[in-house]
Amino acid sequence: MTEATHAATSKSNMSAVRRDWRRGFLRELERFALLIAWLVIIAIFGIISPDAFLTWPNFSTIFGSQAVLVILTLGLIIPLTAGDIDLSVAQVLTLSSMVIAVLNVGHGWPIGWAIAVALAAGLLTGMLNAFFTLYFRIHSLIVTLGTGTFLHGITLWISNSRTIGGIDWSLVNGVILTRFLGIPLAFYYALALALLLLYVFEFTSLGRKALFVGRGRDVARLSGIPVTRMRLICFLASGVFAAIAGVLYAGTSGSADPNSGTQLMLPAFAAAYLGATSISPGRFNPMGSVIAVYLLVTGITGLSILGIDTFVQDLFYGGALVIAVALSQLVRGREESLT
């Protein structure tokens, strides 16, 4: 090999190394872009209003108050991973919280039994969604929209369309009043469920199968994956997670509101799709969803501290949902083209 050839080869290798390094750097930057954006938002509001924003009580409130939304979003991304949409999660949350209130306050049931019935209601809803979607082959969007509306009617019926307060104080104490490092236990419950779901998605065959089903059901079926069973499991898990969110909601306020679920649906979808652009870009993932929830609520909290009217919440969540869906589709399309 001549000296000129050797130099050309070395130069080519160096160029390849630079390209690989640049590609790897951009990939990592994309993975953590949402986290970086969250830190930037904190820095901006911290500079503008440090006395009100950069306080531990403010961040403690942010972390503790959004645990219900985090768990609801986690429940939402489970069927989304398998290619289904569950529009009933918010109404499952509302119904489960109302079941606790009716049984515990209205009928004197012990709080433990009331919670068990609420969780069973979530599981039953998941079974109904799966039955109509899988057996009758109706699109999950239509089924869960109808189921959610039906559940809302049941909630109004059993509550007489009124808010019920006075839920057993032990639930309130175990959810919001007891704190660790100044943060309510509700935050740690949500974090534990996020880590559990992360483990299932990343390190178990169940999570991998759900991902394959969501990417292509026909291919997954030909590969020997039980597609129907996987979708059933995802619907059941979604219902249980939404019911757990309802339990925490009842414990957060000590009451149940028959219309509370409506306001949580849009934020959950916004966080789910925004989270799909981070950590594992192109995939619905638990940690990305958690970061997305707190990024959105941090922005809303900062704007509220600055005196912006409450309509900013709808603007923030609505705009975030549209942008997040567009970005997640772009990221997913690019990831699929590279595979």
C-alpha atoms as a PDB file:
ATOM      1  CA  MET A   1       0.000   0.000   0.000  1.00  0.00           C
ATOM      2  CA  THR A   2       1.429   3.353  -1.020  1.00  0.00           C
ATOM      3  CA  GLU A   3       1.724   6.258   1.353  1.00  0.00           C
ATOM      4  CA  ALA A   4      -0.950   8.193  -0.567  1.00  0.00           C
ATOM      5  CA  THR A   5      -3.349   5.248  -0.370  1.00  0.00           C
ATOM      6  CA  HIS A   6      -2.682   4.843   3.345  1.00  0.00           C
ATOM      7  CA  ALA A   7      -3.381   8.546   3.951  1.00  0.00           C
ATOM      8  CA  ALA A   8      -6.612   8.383   1.951  1.00  0.00           C
ATOM      9  CA  THR A   9      -7.744   5.319   3.917  1.00  0.00           C
ATOM     10  CA  SER A  10      -6.953   6.990   7.239  1.00  0.00           C
ATOM     11  CA  LYS A  11      -8.834  10.114   6.185  1.00  0.00           C
ATOM     12  CA  SER A  12     -11.833   8.031   5.150  1.00  0.00           C
ATOM     13  CA  ASN A  13     -11.808   6.200   8.488  1.00  0.00           C
ATOM     14  CA  MET A  14     -11.633   9.486  10.378  1.00  0.00           C
ATOM     15  CA  SER A  15     -14.590  10.825   8.414  1.00  0.00           C
ATOM     16  CA  ALA A  16     -16.582   7.673   9.200  1.00  0.00           C
ATOM     17  CA  VAL A  17     -15.752   8.030  12.895  1.00  0.00           C
ATOM     18  CA  ARG A  18     -16.882  11.660  12.880  1.00  0.00           C
ATOM     19  CA  ARG A  19     -20.146  10.740  11.153  1.00  0.00           C
ATOM     20  CA  ASP A  20     -20.821   7.946  13.626  1.00  0.00           C
ATOM     21  CA  TRP A  21     -20.043  10.244  16.550  1.00  0.00           C
ATOM     22  CA  ARG A  22     -22.285  12.988  15.164  1.00  0.00           C
ATOM     23  CA  ARG A  23     -25.089  10.511  14.510  1.00  0.00           C
ATOM     24  CA  GLY A  24     -24.779   9.074  18.011  1.00  0.00           C
ATOM     25  CA  PHE A  25     -24.706  12.545  19.577  1.00  0.00           C
ATOM     26  CA  LEU A  26     -27.843  13.624  17.704  1.00  0.00           C
ATOM     27  CA  ARG A  27     -29.595  10.385  18.683  1.00  0.00           C
ATOM     28  CA  GLU A  28     -28.814  10.933  22.362  1.00  0.00           C
ATOM     29  CA  LEU A  29     -29.815  14.586  22.094  1.00  0.00           C
ATOM     30  CA  GLU A  30     -33.152  13.532  20.653  1.00  0.00           C
ATOM     31  CA  ARG A  31     -33.668  10.996  23.437  1.00  0.00           C
ATOM     32  CA  PHE A  32     -33.225  13.593  26.158  1.00  0.00           C
ATOM     33  CA  ALA A  33     -34.576  16.640  24.313  1.00  0.00           C
ATOM     34  CA  LEU A  34     -37.806  16.616  26.331  1.00  0.00           C
ATOM     35  CA  LEU A  35     -35.903  16.502  29.611  1.00  0.00           C
ATOM     36  CA  ILE A  36     -33.673  19.346  28.434  1.00  0.00           C
ATOM     37  CA  ALA A  37     -36.762  21.338  27.408  1.00  0.00           C
ATOM     38  CA  TRP A  38     -38.240  20.793  30.869  1.00  0.00           C
ATOM     39  CA  LEU A  39     -35.065  22.085  32.519  1.00  0.00           C
ATOM     40  CA  VAL A  40     -35.041  25.094  30.176  1.00  0.00           C
ATOM     41  CA  ILE A  41     -38.649  25.922  31.130  1.00  0.00           C
ATOM     42  CA  ILE A  42     -37.714  25.695  34.817  1.00  0.00           C
ATOM     43  CA  ALA A  43     -34.730  27.980  34.210  1.00  0.00           C
ATOM     44  CA  ILE A  44     -36.814  30.554  32.303  1.00  0.00           C
ATOM     45  CA  PHE A  45     -39.539  30.835  34.937  1.00  0.00           C
ATOM     46  CA  GLY A  46     -36.913  30.694  37.662  1.00  0.00           C
ATOM     47  CA  ILE A  47     -35.214  33.741  36.179  1.00  0.00           C
ATOM     48  CA  ILE A  48     -38.482  35.618  35.653  1.00  0.00           C
ATOM     49  CA  SER A  49     -40.024  34.879  39.062  1.00  0.00           C
ATOM     50  CA  PRO A  50     -37.490  33.206  41.367  1.00  0.00           C
ATOM     51  CA  ASP A  51     -39.243  34.041  44.640  1.00  0.00           C
ATOM     52  CA  ALA A  52     -42.512  32.403  43.629  1.00  0.00           C
ATOM     53  CA  PHE A  53     -41.369  29.681  41.227  1.00  0.00           C
ATOM     54  CA  LEU A  54     -38.038  28.434  42.579  1.00  0.00           C
ATOM     55  CA  THR A  55     -39.409  27.286  45.919  1.00  0.00           C
ATOM     56  CA  TRP A  56     -39.616  23.785  47.298  1.00  0.00           C
ATOM     57  CA  PRO A  57     -43.336  24.103  48.199  1.00  0.00           C
ATOM     58  CA  ASN A  58     -44.038  24.954  44.540  1.00  0.00           C
ATOM     59  CA  PHE A  59     -42.157  21.925  43.211  1.00  0.00           C
ATOM     60  CA  SER A  60     -43.625  19.713  45.919  1.00  0.00           C
ATOM     61  CA  THR A  61     -47.086  20.755  44.767  1.00  0.00           C
ATOM     62  CA  ILE A  62     -46.190  20.124  41.122  1.00  0.00           C
ATOM     63  CA  PHE A  63     -44.879  16.620  41.813  1.00  0.00           C
ATOM     64  CA  GLY A  64     -47.624  15.584  44.206  1.00  0.00           C
ATOM     65  CA  SER A  65     -50.613  17.047  42.404  1.00  0.00           C
ATOM     66  CA  GLN A  66     -49.928  15.355  39.062  1.00  0.00           C
ATOM     67  CA  ALA A  67     -49.590  11.759  40.267  1.00  0.00           C
ATOM     68  CA  VAL A  68     -53.148  10.994  39.149  1.00  0.00           C
ATOM     69  CA  LEU A  69     -52.445  12.304  35.641  1.00  0.00           C
ATOM     70  CA  VAL A  70     -49.184  10.341  35.468  1.00  0.00           C
ATOM     71  CA  ILE A  71     -50.923   7.042  36.287  1.00  0.00           C
ATOM     72  CA  LEU A  72     -53.776   7.801  33.885  1.00  0.00           C
ATOM     73  CA  THR A  73     -51.239   8.482  31.120  1.00  0.00           C
ATOM     74  CA  LEU A  74     -49.429   5.237  31.906  1.00  0.00           C
ATOM     75  CA  GLY A  75     -52.720   3.389  31.561  1.00  0.00           C
ATOM     76  CA  LEU A  76     -53.333   5.109  28.249  1.00  0.00           C
ATOM     77  CA  ILE A  77     -49.997   4.168  26.669  1.00  0.00           C
ATOM     78  CA  ILE A  78     -50.475   0.437  27.321  1.00  0.00           C
ATOM     79  CA  PRO A  79     -53.140  -0.130  24.627  1.00  0.00           C
ATOM     80  CA  LEU A  80     -51.518   2.556  22.451  1.00  0.00           C
ATOM     81  CA  THR A  81     -48.371   0.427  22.413  1.00  0.00           C
ATOM     82  CA  ALA A  82     -50.420  -2.474  21.047  1.00  0.00           C
ATOM     83  CA  GLY A  83     -52.103  -0.261  18.437  1.00  0.00           C
ATOM     84  CA  ASP A  84     -55.394   0.366  20.245  1.00  0.00           C
ATOM     85  CA  ILE A  85     -56.907   3.538  21.672  1.00  0.00           C
ATOM     86  CA  ASP A  86     -58.730   3.621  25.005  1.00  0.00           C
ATOM     87  CA  LEU A  87     -60.925   6.703  25.316  1.00  0.00           C
ATOM     88  CA  SER A  88     -62.622   5.341  28.419  1.00  0.00           C
ATOM     89  CA  VAL A  89     -59.692   5.711  30.844  1.00  0.00           C
ATOM     90  CA  ALA A  90     -60.789   9.090  32.201  1.00  0.00           C
ATOM     91  CA  GLN A  91     -64.303   7.841  32.851  1.00  0.00           C
ATOM     92  CA  VAL A  92     -62.938   4.696  34.518  1.00  0.00           C
ATOM     93  CA  LEU A  93     -61.005   7.021  36.819  1.00  0.00           C
ATOM     94  CA  THR A  94     -64.156   8.977  37.602  1.00  0.00           C
ATOM     95  CA  LEU A  95     -66.276   5.872  38.162  1.00  0.00           C
ATOM     96  CA  SER A  96     -63.716   4.182  40.420  1.00  0.00           C
ATOM     97  CA  SER A  97     -63.383   7.272  42.601  1.00  0.00           C
ATOM     98  CA  MET A  98     -67.148   7.567  42.799  1.00  0.00           C
ATOM     99  CA  VAL A  99     -67.528   3.879  43.686  1.00  0.00           C
ATOM    100  CA  ILE A 100     -65.190   4.443  46.622  1.00  0.00           C
ATOM    101  CA  ALA A 101     -67.177   7.483  47.742  1.00  0.00           C
ATOM    102  CA  VAL A 102     -70.572   5.811  47.422  1.00  0.00           C
ATOM    103  CA  LEU A 103     -69.573   2.584  49.161  1.00  0.00           C
ATOM    104  CA  ASN A 104     -67.429   4.164  51.874  1.00  0.00           C
ATOM    105  CA  VAL A 105     -69.461   7.289  52.626  1.00  0.00           C
ATOM    106  CA  GLY A 106     -72.944   6.278  51.559  1.00  0.00           C
ATOM    107  CA  HIS A 107     -72.990   2.646  52.688  1.00  0.00           C
ATOM    108  CA  GLY A 108     -70.299   2.558  55.353  1.00  0.00           C
ATOM    109  CA  TRP A 109     -68.066  -0.006  53.663  1.00  0.00           C
ATOM    110  CA  PRO A 110     -64.474  -0.281  54.915  1.00  0.00           C
ATOM    111  CA  ILE A 111     -62.137   1.686  52.679  1.00  0.00           C
ATOM    112  CA  GLY A 112     -60.189  -1.442  51.700  1.00  0.00           C
ATOM    113  CA  TRP A 113     -63.265  -3.207  50.324  1.00  0.00           C
ATOM    114  CA  ALA A 114     -64.387  -0.048  48.539  1.00  0.00           C
ATOM    115  CA  ILE A 115     -60.992   0.213  46.823  1.00  0.00           C
ATOM    116  CA  ALA A 116     -61.182  -3.466  45.826  1.00  0.00           C
ATOM    117  CA  VAL A 117     -64.571  -2.920  44.153  1.00  0.00           C
ATOM    118  CA  ALA A 118     -63.237   0.181  42.388  1.00  0.00           C
ATOM    119  CA  LEU A 119     -60.291  -1.787  40.984  1.00  0.00           C
ATOM    120  CA  ALA A 120     -62.654  -4.556  39.923  1.00  0.00           C
ATOM    121  CA  ALA A 121     -64.739  -1.978  38.050  1.00  0.00           C
ATOM    122  CA  GLY A 122     -61.634  -0.953  36.109  1.00  0.00           C
ATOM    123  CA  LEU A 123     -60.810  -4.570  35.302  1.00  0.00           C
ATOM    124  CA  LEU A 124     -64.384  -5.226  34.164  1.00  0.00           C
ATOM    125  CA  THR A 125     -64.289  -2.174  31.898  1.00  0.00           C
ATOM    126  CA  GLY A 126     -61.097  -3.456  30.316  1.00  0.00           C
ATOM    127  CA  MET A 127     -62.807  -6.806  29.698  1.00  0.00           C
ATOM    128  CA  LEU A 128     -65.799  -5.099  28.052  1.00  0.00           C
ATOM    129  CA  ASN A 129     -63.570  -2.984  25.828  1.00  0.00           C
ATOM    130  CA  ALA A 130     -61.600  -6.047  24.786  1.00  0.00           C
ATOM    131  CA  PHE A 131     -64.730  -8.128  24.169  1.00  0.00           C
ATOM    132  CA  PHE A 132     -66.412  -5.691  21.797  1.00  0.00           C
ATOM    133  CA  THR A 133     -63.161  -4.723  20.088  1.00  0.00           C
ATOM    134  CA  LEU A 134     -61.755  -8.209  19.587  1.00  0.00           C
ATOM    135  CA  TYR A 135     -64.864 -10.386  19.231  1.00  0.00           C
ATOM    136  CA  PHE A 136     -66.960  -8.071  17.072  1.00  0.00           C
ATOM    137  CA  ARG A 137     -63.875  -6.510  15.411  1.00  0.00           C
ATOM    138  CA  ILE A 138     -65.052  -2.956  16.069  1.00  0.00           C
ATOM    139  CA  HIS A 139     -62.397  -0.256  16.119  1.00  0.00           C
ATOM    140  CA  SER A 140     -61.241   0.432  19.658  1.00  0.00           C
ATOM    141  CA  LEU A 141     -61.835   4.165  19.167  1.00  0.00           C
ATOM    142  CA  ILE A 142     -65.575   3.593  18.706  1.00  0.00           C
ATOM    143  CA  VAL A 143     -65.881   0.970  21.433  1.00  0.00           C
ATOM    144  CA  THR A 144     -64.066   2.923  24.125  1.00  0.00           C
ATOM    145  CA  LEU A 145     -65.836   6.150  23.218  1.00  0.00           C
ATOM    146  CA  GLY A 146     -69.155   4.387  23.782  1.00  0.00           C
ATOM    147  CA  THR A 147     -67.932   2.657  26.918  1.00  0.00           C
ATOM    148  CA  GLY A 148     -66.673   5.916  28.377  1.00  0.00           C
ATOM    149  CA  THR A 149     -70.004   7.616  27.752  1.00  0.00           C
ATOM    150  CA  PHE A 150     -71.843   4.657  29.302  1.00  0.00           C
ATOM    151  CA  LEU A 151     -69.601   4.791  32.380  1.00  0.00           C
ATOM    152  CA  HIS A 152     -70.232   8.507  32.711  1.00  0.00           C
ATOM    153  CA  GLY A 153     -73.950   7.776  32.821  1.00  0.00           C
ATOM    154  CA  ILE A 154     -73.419   5.164  35.537  1.00  0.00           C
ATOM    155  CA  THR A 155     -71.314   7.631  37.529  1.00  0.00           C
ATOM    156  CA  LEU A 156     -74.045  10.270  37.358  1.00  0.00           C
ATOM    157  CA  TRP A 157     -76.639   7.667  38.335  1.00  0.00           C
ATOM    158  CA  ILE A 158     -74.917   6.271  41.433  1.00  0.00           C
ATOM    159  CA  SER A 159     -73.906   9.753  42.624  1.00  0.00           C
ATOM    160  CA  ASN A 160     -77.194  11.523  41.852  1.00  0.00           C
ATOM    161  CA  SER A 161     -75.057  13.937  39.817  1.00  0.00           C
ATOM    162  CA  ARG A 162     -73.431  15.409  42.895  1.00  0.00           C
ATOM    163  CA  THR A 163     -70.005  15.507  44.495  1.00  0.00           C
ATOM    164  CA  ILE A 164     -69.631  13.165  47.460  1.00  0.00           C
ATOM    165  CA  GLY A 165     -67.154  14.081  50.182  1.00  0.00           C
ATOM    166  CA  GLY A 166     -66.072  12.604  53.491  1.00  0.00           C
ATOM    167  CA  ILE A 167     -64.060   9.629  52.229  1.00  0.00           C
ATOM    168  CA  ASP A 168     -62.189   7.714  54.945  1.00  0.00           C
ATOM    169  CA  TRP A 169     -59.316   9.862  56.182  1.00  0.00           C
ATOM    170  CA  SER A 170     -56.881   6.940  56.064  1.00  0.00           C
ATOM    171  CA  LEU A 171     -56.964   7.030  52.257  1.00  0.00           C
ATOM    172  CA  VAL A 172     -56.339  10.771  52.194  1.00  0.00           C
ATOM    173  CA  ASN A 173     -53.527  10.350  54.680  1.00  0.00           C
ATOM    174  CA  GLY A 174     -51.919   7.562  52.655  1.00  0.00           C
ATOM    175  CA  VAL A 175     -52.117   9.483  49.386  1.00  0.00           C
ATOM    176  CA  ILE A 176     -51.555  13.174  49.965  1.00  0.00           C
ATOM    177  CA  LEU A 177     -50.979  14.050  53.631  1.00  0.00           C
ATOM    178  CA  THR A 178     -48.085  11.700  54.376  1.00  0.00           C
ATOM    179  CA  ARG A 179     -44.937  13.025  52.744  1.00  0.00           C
ATOM    180  CA  PHE A 180     -41.421  11.840  52.054  1.00  0.00           C
ATOM    181  CA  LEU A 181     -38.794  14.531  51.416  1.00  0.00           C
ATOM    182  CA  GLY A 182     -41.663  16.994  51.420  1.00  0.00           C
ATOM    183  CA  ILE A 183     -43.433  15.293  48.499  1.00  0.00           C
ATOM    184  CA  PRO A 184     -46.781  13.473  48.947  1.00  0.00           C
ATOM    185  CA  LEU A 185     -46.702   9.687  48.706  1.00  0.00           C
ATOM    186  CA  ALA A 186     -48.922   9.882  45.606  1.00  0.00           C
ATOM    187  CA  PHE A 187     -45.853  10.894  43.587  1.00  0.00           C
ATOM    188  CA  TYR A 188     -43.947   7.803  44.693  1.00  0.00           C
ATOM    189  CA  TYR A 189     -46.883   5.532  43.852  1.00  0.00           C
ATOM    190  CA  ALA A 190     -46.918   6.971  40.338  1.00  0.00           C
ATOM    191  CA  LEU A 191     -43.143   6.665  40.013  1.00  0.00           C
ATOM    192  CA  ALA A 192     -43.249   3.031  41.169  1.00  0.00           C
ATOM    193  CA  LEU A 193     -45.898   2.177  38.574  1.00  0.00           C
ATOM    194  CA  ALA A 194     -43.870   3.942  35.878  1.00  0.00           C
ATOM    195  CA  LEU A 195     -40.781   1.908  36.771  1.00  0.00           C
ATOM    196  CA  LEU A 196     -42.845  -1.298  36.833  1.00  0.00           C
ATOM    197  CA  LEU A 197     -44.247  -0.553  33.388  1.00  0.00           C
ATOM    198  CA  LEU A 198     -40.758   0.350  32.149  1.00  0.00           C
ATOM    199  CA  TYR A 199     -39.492  -3.045  33.303  1.00  0.00           C
ATOM    200  CA  VAL A 200     -42.363  -4.833  31.572  1.00  0.00           C
ATOM    201  CA  PHE A 201     -41.871  -2.954  28.302  1.00  0.00           C
ATOM    202  CA  GLU A 202     -38.093  -3.221  28.184  1.00  0.00           C
ATOM    203  CA  PHE A 203     -37.160  -6.481  29.898  1.00  0.00           C
ATOM    204  CA  THR A 204     -40.031  -8.945  29.476  1.00  0.00           C
ATOM    205  CA  SER A 205     -41.346 -10.890  26.515  1.00  0.00           C
ATOM    206  CA  LEU A 206     -44.819  -9.547  27.313  1.00  0.00           C
ATOM    207  CA  GLY A 207     -43.727  -5.968  26.661  1.00  0.00           C
ATOM    208  CA  ARG A 208     -41.826  -6.883  23.497  1.00  0.00           C
ATOM    209  CA  LYS A 209     -44.819  -8.776  22.145  1.00  0.00           C
ATOM    210  CA  ALA A 210     -47.100  -5.798  22.789  1.00  0.00           C
ATOM    211  CA  LEU A 211     -44.677  -3.597  20.846  1.00  0.00           C
ATOM    212  CA  PHE A 212     -44.569  -6.030  17.923  1.00  0.00           C
ATOM    213  CA  VAL A 213     -48.368  -6.204  17.876  1.00  0.00           C
ATOM    214  CA  GLY A 214     -48.569  -2.423  17.727  1.00  0.00           C
ATOM    215  CA  ARG A 215     -46.046  -2.212  14.889  1.00  0.00           C
ATOM    216  CA  GLY A 216     -47.838  -4.758  12.704  1.00  0.00           C
ATOM    217  CA  ARG A 217     -50.517  -7.237  13.742  1.00  0.00           C
ATOM    218  CA  ASP A 218     -50.305  -9.399  10.635  1.00  0.00           C
ATOM    219  CA  VAL A 219     -46.541  -9.739  10.911  1.00  0.00           C
ATOM    220  CA  ALA A 220     -46.816 -10.411  14.642  1.00  0.00           C
ATOM    221  CA  ARG A 221     -49.434 -13.113  14.031  1.00  0.00           C
ATOM    222  CA  LEU A 222     -47.260 -14.789  11.403  1.00  0.00           C
ATOM    223  CA  SER A 223     -44.376 -14.695  13.888  1.00  0.00           C
ATOM    224  CA  GLY A 224     -46.394 -16.754  16.343  1.00  0.00           C
ATOM    225  CA  ILE A 225     -47.380 -13.949  18.721  1.00  0.00           C
ATOM    226  CA  PRO A 226     -50.890 -14.366  20.196  1.00  0.00           C
ATOM    227  CA  VAL A 227     -52.168 -11.008  18.985  1.00  0.00           C
ATOM    228  CA  THR A 228     -55.680 -11.278  20.423  1.00  0.00           C
ATOM    229  CA  ARG A 229     -54.386 -12.309  23.839  1.00  0.00           C
ATOM    230  CA  MET A 230     -51.874  -9.461  23.902  1.00  0.00           C
ATOM    231  CA  ARG A 231     -54.516  -6.884  23.049  1.00  0.00           C
ATOM    232  CA  LEU A 232     -56.780  -8.339  25.743  1.00  0.00           C
ATOM    233  CA  ILE A 233     -54.024  -8.030  28.356  1.00  0.00           C
ATOM    234  CA  CYS A 234     -53.381  -4.426  27.323  1.00  0.00           C
ATOM    235  CA  PHE A 235     -57.057  -3.492  27.670  1.00  0.00           C
ATOM    236  CA  LEU A 236     -57.229  -5.143  31.101  1.00  0.00           C
ATOM    237  CA  ALA A 237     -54.071  -3.375  32.275  1.00  0.00           C
ATOM    238  CA  SER A 238     -55.358  -0.048  30.992  1.00  0.00           C
ATOM    239  CA  GLY A 239     -58.583  -0.421  32.970  1.00  0.00           C
ATOM    240  CA  VAL A 240     -56.720  -1.343  36.164  1.00  0.00           C
ATOM    241  CA  PHE A 241     -54.271   1.566  35.835  1.00  0.00           C
ATOM    242  CA  ALA A 242     -57.169   3.992  35.276  1.00  0.00           C
ATOM    243  CA  ALA A 243     -58.924   2.584  38.342  1.00  0.00           C
ATOM    244  CA  ILE A 244     -55.749   3.041  40.405  1.00  0.00           C
ATOM    245  CA  ALA A 245     -55.664   6.650  39.224  1.00  0.00           C
ATOM    246  CA  GLY A 246     -59.247   6.947  40.454  1.00  0.00           C
ATOM    247  CA  VAL A 247     -58.273   5.611  43.873  1.00  0.00           C
ATOM    248  CA  LEU A 248     -55.521   8.215  44.118  1.00  0.00           C
ATOM    249  CA  TYR A 249     -57.907  10.901  42.916  1.00  0.00           C
ATOM    250  CA  ALA A 250     -60.331  10.052  45.712  1.00  0.00           C
ATOM    251  CA  GLY A 251     -57.468  10.117  48.199  1.00  0.00           C
ATOM    252  CA  THR A 252     -56.127  13.411  46.866  1.00  0.00           C
ATOM    253  CA  SER A 253     -59.314  15.362  47.466  1.00  0.00           C
ATOM    254  CA  GLY A 254     -61.175  13.181  49.960  1.00  0.00           C
ATOM    255  CA  SER A 255     -64.161  13.339  47.630  1.00  0.00           C
ATOM    256  CA  ALA A 256     -65.432  12.244  44.226  1.00  0.00           C
ATOM    257  CA  ASP A 257     -66.717  14.519  41.468  1.00  0.00           C
ATOM    258  CA  PRO A 258     -68.890  12.895  38.749  1.00  0.00           C
ATOM    259  CA  ASN A 259     -67.401  15.159  36.065  1.00  0.00           C
ATOM    260  CA  SER A 260     -63.742  15.058  37.047  1.00  0.00           C
ATOM    261  CA  GLY A 261     -62.604  12.674  34.325  1.00  0.00           C
ATOM    262  CA  THR A 262     -63.467  14.926  31.421  1.00  0.00           C
ATOM    263  CA  GLN A 263     -60.737  17.438  32.176  1.00  0.00           C
ATOM    264  CA  LEU A 264     -58.012  14.779  32.396  1.00  0.00           C
ATOM    265  CA  MET A 265     -58.465  13.095  29.015  1.00  0.00           C
ATOM    266  CA  LEU A 266     -56.779  15.779  26.909  1.00  0.00           C
ATOM    267  CA  PRO A 267     -53.731  16.186  29.197  1.00  0.00           C
ATOM    268  CA  ALA A 268     -53.239  12.408  29.268  1.00  0.00           C
ATOM    269  CA  PHE A 269     -53.229  12.152  25.476  1.00  0.00           C
ATOM    270  CA  ALA A 270     -50.938  15.168  25.170  1.00  0.00           C
ATOM    271  CA  ALA A 271     -48.449  13.641  27.626  1.00  0.00           C
ATOM    272  CA  ALA A 272     -48.621  10.196  26.008  1.00  0.00           C
ATOM    273  CA  TYR A 273     -47.809  11.465  22.513  1.00  0.00           C
ATOM    274  CA  LEU A 274     -45.293  14.029  23.692  1.00  0.00           C
ATOM    275  CA  GLY A 275     -43.558  11.341  25.737  1.00  0.00           C
ATOM    276  CA  ALA A 276     -43.269   9.188  22.603  1.00  0.00           C
ATOM    277  CA  THR A 277     -40.759  11.706  21.209  1.00  0.00           C
ATOM    278  CA  SER A 278     -38.333  11.205  24.104  1.00  0.00           C
ATOM    279  CA  ILE A 279     -36.278   8.522  25.914  1.00  0.00           C
ATOM    280  CA  SER A 280     -37.344   5.872  23.349  1.00  0.00           C
ATOM    281  CA  PRO A 281     -38.256   8.066  20.357  1.00  0.00           C
ATOM    282  CA  GLY A 282     -40.994   6.646  18.178  1.00  0.00           C
ATOM    283  CA  ARG A 283     -42.407   4.456  20.973  1.00  0.00           C
ATOM    284  CA  PHE A 284     -44.888   5.125  23.750  1.00  0.00           C
ATOM    285  CA  ASN A 285     -42.781   4.748  26.869  1.00  0.00           C
ATOM    286  CA  PRO A 286     -43.361   5.281  30.605  1.00  0.00           C
ATOM    287  CA  MET A 287     -40.467   7.578  31.470  1.00  0.00           C
ATOM    288  CA  GLY A 288     -41.059   9.807  28.469  1.00  0.00           C
ATOM    289  CA  SER A 289     -44.698  10.106  29.531  1.00  0.00           C
ATOM    290  CA  VAL A 290     -43.720  11.022  33.103  1.00  0.00           C
ATOM    291  CA  ILE A 291     -41.358  13.736  31.860  1.00  0.00           C
ATOM    292  CA  ALA A 292     -44.021  15.021  29.467  1.00  0.00           C
ATOM    293  CA  VAL A 293     -46.604  15.331  32.255  1.00  0.00           C
ATOM    294  CA  TYR A 294     -44.290  17.397  34.411  1.00  0.00           C
ATOM    295  CA  LEU A 295     -43.028  19.496  31.520  1.00  0.00           C
ATOM    296  CA  LEU A 296     -46.587  20.494  30.628  1.00  0.00           C
ATOM    297  CA  VAL A 297     -47.674  21.191  34.192  1.00  0.00           C
ATOM    298  CA  THR A 298     -44.472  23.135  34.901  1.00  0.00           C
ATOM    299  CA  GLY A 299     -45.215  25.411  31.964  1.00  0.00           C
ATOM    300  CA  ILE A 300     -48.809  25.918  33.074  1.00  0.00           C
ATOM    301  CA  THR A 301     -47.745  26.559  36.668  1.00  0.00           C
ATOM    302  CA  GLY A 302     -45.158  29.103  35.572  1.00  0.00           C
ATOM    303  CA  LEU A 303     -47.641  30.963  33.406  1.00  0.00           C
ATOM    304  CA  SER A 304     -50.192  30.937  36.230  1.00  0.00           C
ATOM    305  CA  ILE A 305     -47.628  32.420  38.625  1.00  0.00           C
ATOM    306  CA  LEU A 306     -47.053  35.192  36.094  1.00  0.00           C
ATOM    307  CA  GLY A 307     -50.766  35.992  36.226  1.00  0.00           C
ATOM    308  CA  ILE A 308     -51.895  34.479  32.928  1.00  0.00           C
ATOM    309  CA  ASP A 309     -55.609  33.580  32.889  1.00  0.00           C
ATOM    310  CA  THR A 310     -56.770  29.993  33.379  1.00  0.00           C
ATOM    311  CA  PHE A 311     -57.611  29.581  29.685  1.00  0.00           C
ATOM    312  CA  VAL A 312     -53.879  29.044  29.125  1.00  0.00           C
ATOM    313  CA  GLN A 313     -54.312  25.456  30.338  1.00  0.00           C
ATOM    314  CA  ASP A 314     -56.555  24.547  27.403  1.00  0.00           C
ATOM    315  CA  LEU A 315     -54.254  26.367  25.001  1.00  0.00           C
ATOM    316  CA  PHE A 316     -51.223  24.586  26.420  1.00  0.00           C
ATOM    317  CA  TYR A 317     -52.666  21.085  26.421  1.00  0.00           C
ATOM    318  CA  GLY A 318     -54.472  21.427  23.102  1.00  0.00           C
ATOM    319  CA  GLY A 319     -51.473  22.859  21.304  1.00  0.00           C
ATOM    320  CA  ALA A 320     -49.156  20.324  22.923  1.00  0.00           C
ATOM    321  CA  LEU A 321     -51.354  17.433  21.760  1.00  0.00           C
ATOM    322  CA  VAL A 322     -51.350  18.543  18.109  1.00  0.00           C
ATOM    323  CA  ILE A 323     -47.598  19.212  18.089  1.00  0.00           C
ATOM    324  CA  ALA A 324     -46.825  16.002  19.987  1.00  0.00           C
ATOM    325  CA  VAL A 325     -48.831  13.807  17.596  1.00  0.00           C
ATOM    326  CA  ALA A 326     -47.095  15.397  14.609  1.00  0.00           C
ATOM    327  CA  LEU A 327     -43.636  14.978  16.159  1.00  0.00           C
ATOM    328  CA  SER A 328     -44.271  11.392  17.275  1.00  0.00           C
ATOM    329  CA  GLN A 329     -45.403  10.439  13.769  1.00  0.00           C
ATOM    330  CA  LEU A 330     -42.304  12.026  12.251  1.00  0.00           C
ATOM    331  CA  VAL A 331     -40.033  10.263  14.721  1.00  0.00           C
ATOM    332  CA  ARG A 332     -41.773   6.914  14.275  1.00  0.00           C
ATOM    333  CA  GLY A 333     -41.609   7.196  10.481  1.00  0.00           C
ATOM    334  CA  ARG A 334     -37.917   7.931  10.596  1.00  0.00           C
ATOM    335  CA  GLU A 335     -37.190   5.110  13.041  1.00  0.00           C
ATOM    336  CA  GLU A 336     -39.067   2.629  10.846  1.00  0.00           C
ATOM    337  CA  SER A 337     -37.179   3.802   7.733  1.00  0.00           C
ATOM    338  CA  LEU A 338     -33.876   3.123   9.500  1.00  0.00           C
ATOM    339  CA  THR A 339     -34.826  -0.418  10.511  1.00  0.00           C
END
